Amino acid sequence: MDIQFLVERLEALVVGARKLPMTNQVILEQAAVLDVIDQMRVAIPEEVRQARRVNQEGDQMLAKAREEAEQIIGAAQEQAALLLQDQAVLREAESQAEALQVRAQGKAEETMRGADQYASDVLVRLESDLVKTLSIVKKSLEVLEERRPQPSDP
């Protein structure tokens, strides 16, 4: 039975009771009042049990919500740590890539200098060989020119 209903019944008994003349006192039917009080005694524990049950359910829901919140926060912190770690790994990889690029550029420049020097040395030797060959060709032509009969020699 609803406790609110029983309180209203008790109030109706008091309001509907006969008044003593010239006082604020009323005459209540003892049996009716005691009956309502007995019903209230029975109803109050049920109301208290319902209130406790609702309170416990609220506490359980609150505990579950806190647990879920902690799990979400933990997962977010873990994800943030992974992202920070990934960023650190990315920065390290970028740094290593940059250092590797600088080394490769230096190596490429060194190789180009070596190739240029080699080509220069080959060209200088070739020029020297060509000068010698040209000199030999000129001397050979002079020798041939000297051997050739002159038009005035019959």
Protein backbone atom coordinates (compact mmCIF):
# COMPACT_ATOMS: atom_id res chain seq x y z
CA MET A 1 0.00 0.00 0.00
CA ASP A 2 1.20 3.52 -0.79
CA ILE A 3 2.37 5.50 2.23
CA GLN A 4 1.17 8.74 0.68
CA PHE A 5 -2.35 7.31 0.42
CA LEU A 6 -2.27 6.25 4.09
CA VAL A 7 -1.09 9.72 5.20
CA GLU A 8 -3.99 11.23 3.24
CA ARG A 9 -6.45 8.80 4.93
CA LEU A 10 -5.09 9.76 8.35
CA GLU A 11 -5.40 13.42 7.46
CA ALA A 12 -9.01 12.83 6.30
CA LEU A 13 -9.79 11.15 9.65
CA VAL A 14 -8.41 14.16 11.55
CA VAL A 15 -10.14 16.73 9.33
CA GLY A 16 -13.42 14.81 9.35
CA ALA A 17 -13.36 14.23 13.14
CA ARG A 18 -15.87 15.90 15.48
CA LYS A 19 -14.61 19.02 17.24
CA LEU A 20 -14.94 19.64 20.92
CA PRO A 21 -16.91 22.82 21.39
CA MET A 22 -14.82 25.91 22.01
CA THR A 23 -11.47 24.16 21.50
CA ASN A 24 -9.24 23.08 18.69
CA GLN A 25 -9.41 19.53 19.88
CA VAL A 26 -11.13 16.76 17.97
CA ILE A 27 -12.48 13.36 18.84
CA LEU A 28 -10.99 10.59 16.75
CA GLU A 29 -12.19 7.06 16.34
CA GLN A 30 -9.47 5.08 17.97
CA ALA A 31 -9.99 1.93 15.89
CA ALA A 32 -9.90 3.82 12.58
CA VAL A 33 -6.74 5.74 13.52
CA LEU A 34 -4.98 2.63 14.83
CA ASP A 35 -5.97 0.76 11.65
CA VAL A 36 -4.35 3.45 9.48
CA ILE A 37 -1.27 3.48 11.73
CA ASP A 38 -0.97 -0.33 11.43
CA GLN A 39 -1.25 -0.06 7.67
CA MET A 40 1.45 2.65 7.73
CA ARG A 41 3.72 0.37 9.76
CA VAL A 42 3.31 -2.31 7.12
CA ALA A 43 3.69 0.13 4.23
CA ILE A 44 6.73 2.03 5.56
CA PRO A 45 9.10 -0.91 5.48
CA GLU A 46 8.00 -1.63 1.89
CA GLU A 47 8.58 2.02 0.96
CA VAL A 48 11.94 1.94 2.72
CA ARG A 49 12.87 -1.28 0.92
CA GLN A 50 11.90 0.28 -2.42
CA ALA A 51 13.87 3.40 -1.59
CA ARG A 52 16.88 1.32 -0.58
CA ARG A 53 16.53 -0.73 -3.77
CA VAL A 54 16.34 2.43 -5.88
CA ASN A 55 19.28 3.88 -3.97
CA GLN A 56 21.33 0.70 -4.44
CA GLU A 57 20.46 0.59 -8.13
CA GLY A 58 21.54 4.23 -8.40
CA ASP A 59 24.78 3.43 -6.59
CA GLN A 60 25.37 0.46 -8.90
CA MET A 61 24.68 2.57 -11.97
CA LEU A 62 26.98 5.28 -10.65
CA ALA A 63 29.73 2.73 -9.92
CA LYS A 64 29.30 1.23 -13.38
CA ALA A 65 29.43 4.70 -14.96
CA ARG A 66 32.60 5.51 -12.98
CA GLU A 67 34.17 2.22 -14.05
CA GLU A 68 33.30 2.87 -17.69
CA ALA A 69 34.63 6.41 -17.39
CA GLU A 70 37.89 5.10 -15.93
CA GLN A 71 38.16 2.56 -18.75
CA ILE A 72 37.52 5.27 -21.35
CA ILE A 73 40.06 7.56 -19.70
CA GLY A 74 42.57 4.71 -19.51
CA ALA A 75 42.05 3.85 -23.16
CA ALA A 76 42.38 7.52 -24.13
CA GLN A 77 45.59 7.86 -22.11
CA GLU A 78 46.96 4.70 -23.70
CA GLN A 79 46.04 5.99 -27.16
CA ALA A 80 47.63 9.35 -26.39
CA ALA A 81 50.80 7.60 -25.22
CA LEU A 82 50.87 5.54 -28.42
CA LEU A 83 50.38 8.66 -30.52
CA LEU A 84 53.18 10.42 -28.67
CA GLN A 85 55.37 7.36 -29.11
CA ASP A 86 54.47 7.24 -32.81
CA GLN A 87 55.35 10.93 -33.12
CA ALA A 88 58.68 10.31 -31.40
CA VAL A 89 59.38 7.39 -33.74
CA LEU A 90 58.36 9.55 -36.71
CA ARG A 91 60.63 12.40 -35.59
CA GLU A 92 63.50 9.95 -35.11
CA ALA A 93 62.88 8.44 -38.56
CA GLU A 94 62.74 11.91 -40.13
CA SER A 95 65.98 12.84 -38.37
CA GLN A 96 67.68 9.67 -39.54
CA ALA A 97 66.34 10.17 -43.07
CA GLU A 98 67.67 13.72 -43.12
CA ALA A 99 71.09 12.58 -41.89
CA LEU A 100 71.10 9.80 -44.48
CA GLN A 101 70.18 12.30 -47.19
CA VAL A 102 73.00 14.63 -46.14
CA ARG A 103 75.46 11.72 -46.18
CA ALA A 104 74.17 10.54 -49.57
CA GLN A 105 74.45 14.07 -50.97
CA GLY A 106 78.03 14.33 -49.69
CA LYS A 107 78.85 10.91 -51.13
CA ALA A 108 77.28 11.90 -54.45
CA GLU A 109 79.30 15.11 -54.56
CA GLU A 110 82.46 13.21 -53.68
CA THR A 111 81.72 10.65 -56.41
CA MET A 112 81.10 13.47 -58.93
CA ARG A 113 84.41 15.13 -57.98
CA GLY A 114 86.17 11.77 -58.40
CA ALA A 115 84.46 11.18 -61.75
CA ASP A 116 85.32 14.72 -62.91
CA GLN A 117 88.95 14.24 -61.82
CA TYR A 118 89.12 10.89 -63.61
CA ALA A 119 87.61 12.36 -66.78
CA SER A 120 90.04 15.29 -66.58
CA ASP A 121 93.01 12.93 -66.14
CA VAL A 122 91.85 10.80 -69.09
CA LEU A 123 91.38 13.88 -71.28
CA VAL A 124 94.82 15.25 -70.30
CA ARG A 125 96.43 11.90 -71.19
CA LEU A 126 94.45 11.77 -74.41
CA GLU A 127 95.53 15.30 -75.26
CA SER A 128 99.11 14.39 -74.50
CA ASP A 129 98.83 11.25 -76.63
CA LEU A 130 97.21 13.26 -79.42
CA VAL A 131 99.96 15.89 -79.24
CA LYS A 132 102.57 13.13 -79.48
CA THR A 133 100.66 11.44 -82.28
CA LEU A 134 100.26 14.75 -84.11
CA SER A 135 103.94 15.41 -83.64
CA ILE A 136 104.75 12.00 -85.07
CA VAL A 137 102.34 12.59 -87.95
CA LYS A 138 103.98 15.97 -88.71
CA LYS A 139 107.46 14.47 -88.60
CA SER A 140 106.31 11.63 -90.79
CA LEU A 141 104.84 14.10 -93.25
CA GLU A 142 108.07 16.10 -93.23
CA VAL A 143 110.04 12.94 -93.88
CA LEU A 144 107.72 12.03 -96.68
CA GLU A 145 107.91 15.56 -98.00
CA GLU A 146 111.68 15.40 -98.01
CA ARG A 147 111.65 12.10 -99.90
CA ARG A 148 109.23 13.22 -102.49
CA PRO A 149 110.91 14.17 -105.65
CA GLN A 150 110.92 17.78 -106.42
CA PRO A 151 109.49 18.84 -109.75
CA SER A 152 112.77 20.43 -110.63
CA ASP A 153 114.76 17.20 -110.25
CA PRO A 154 114.54 15.15 -113.35
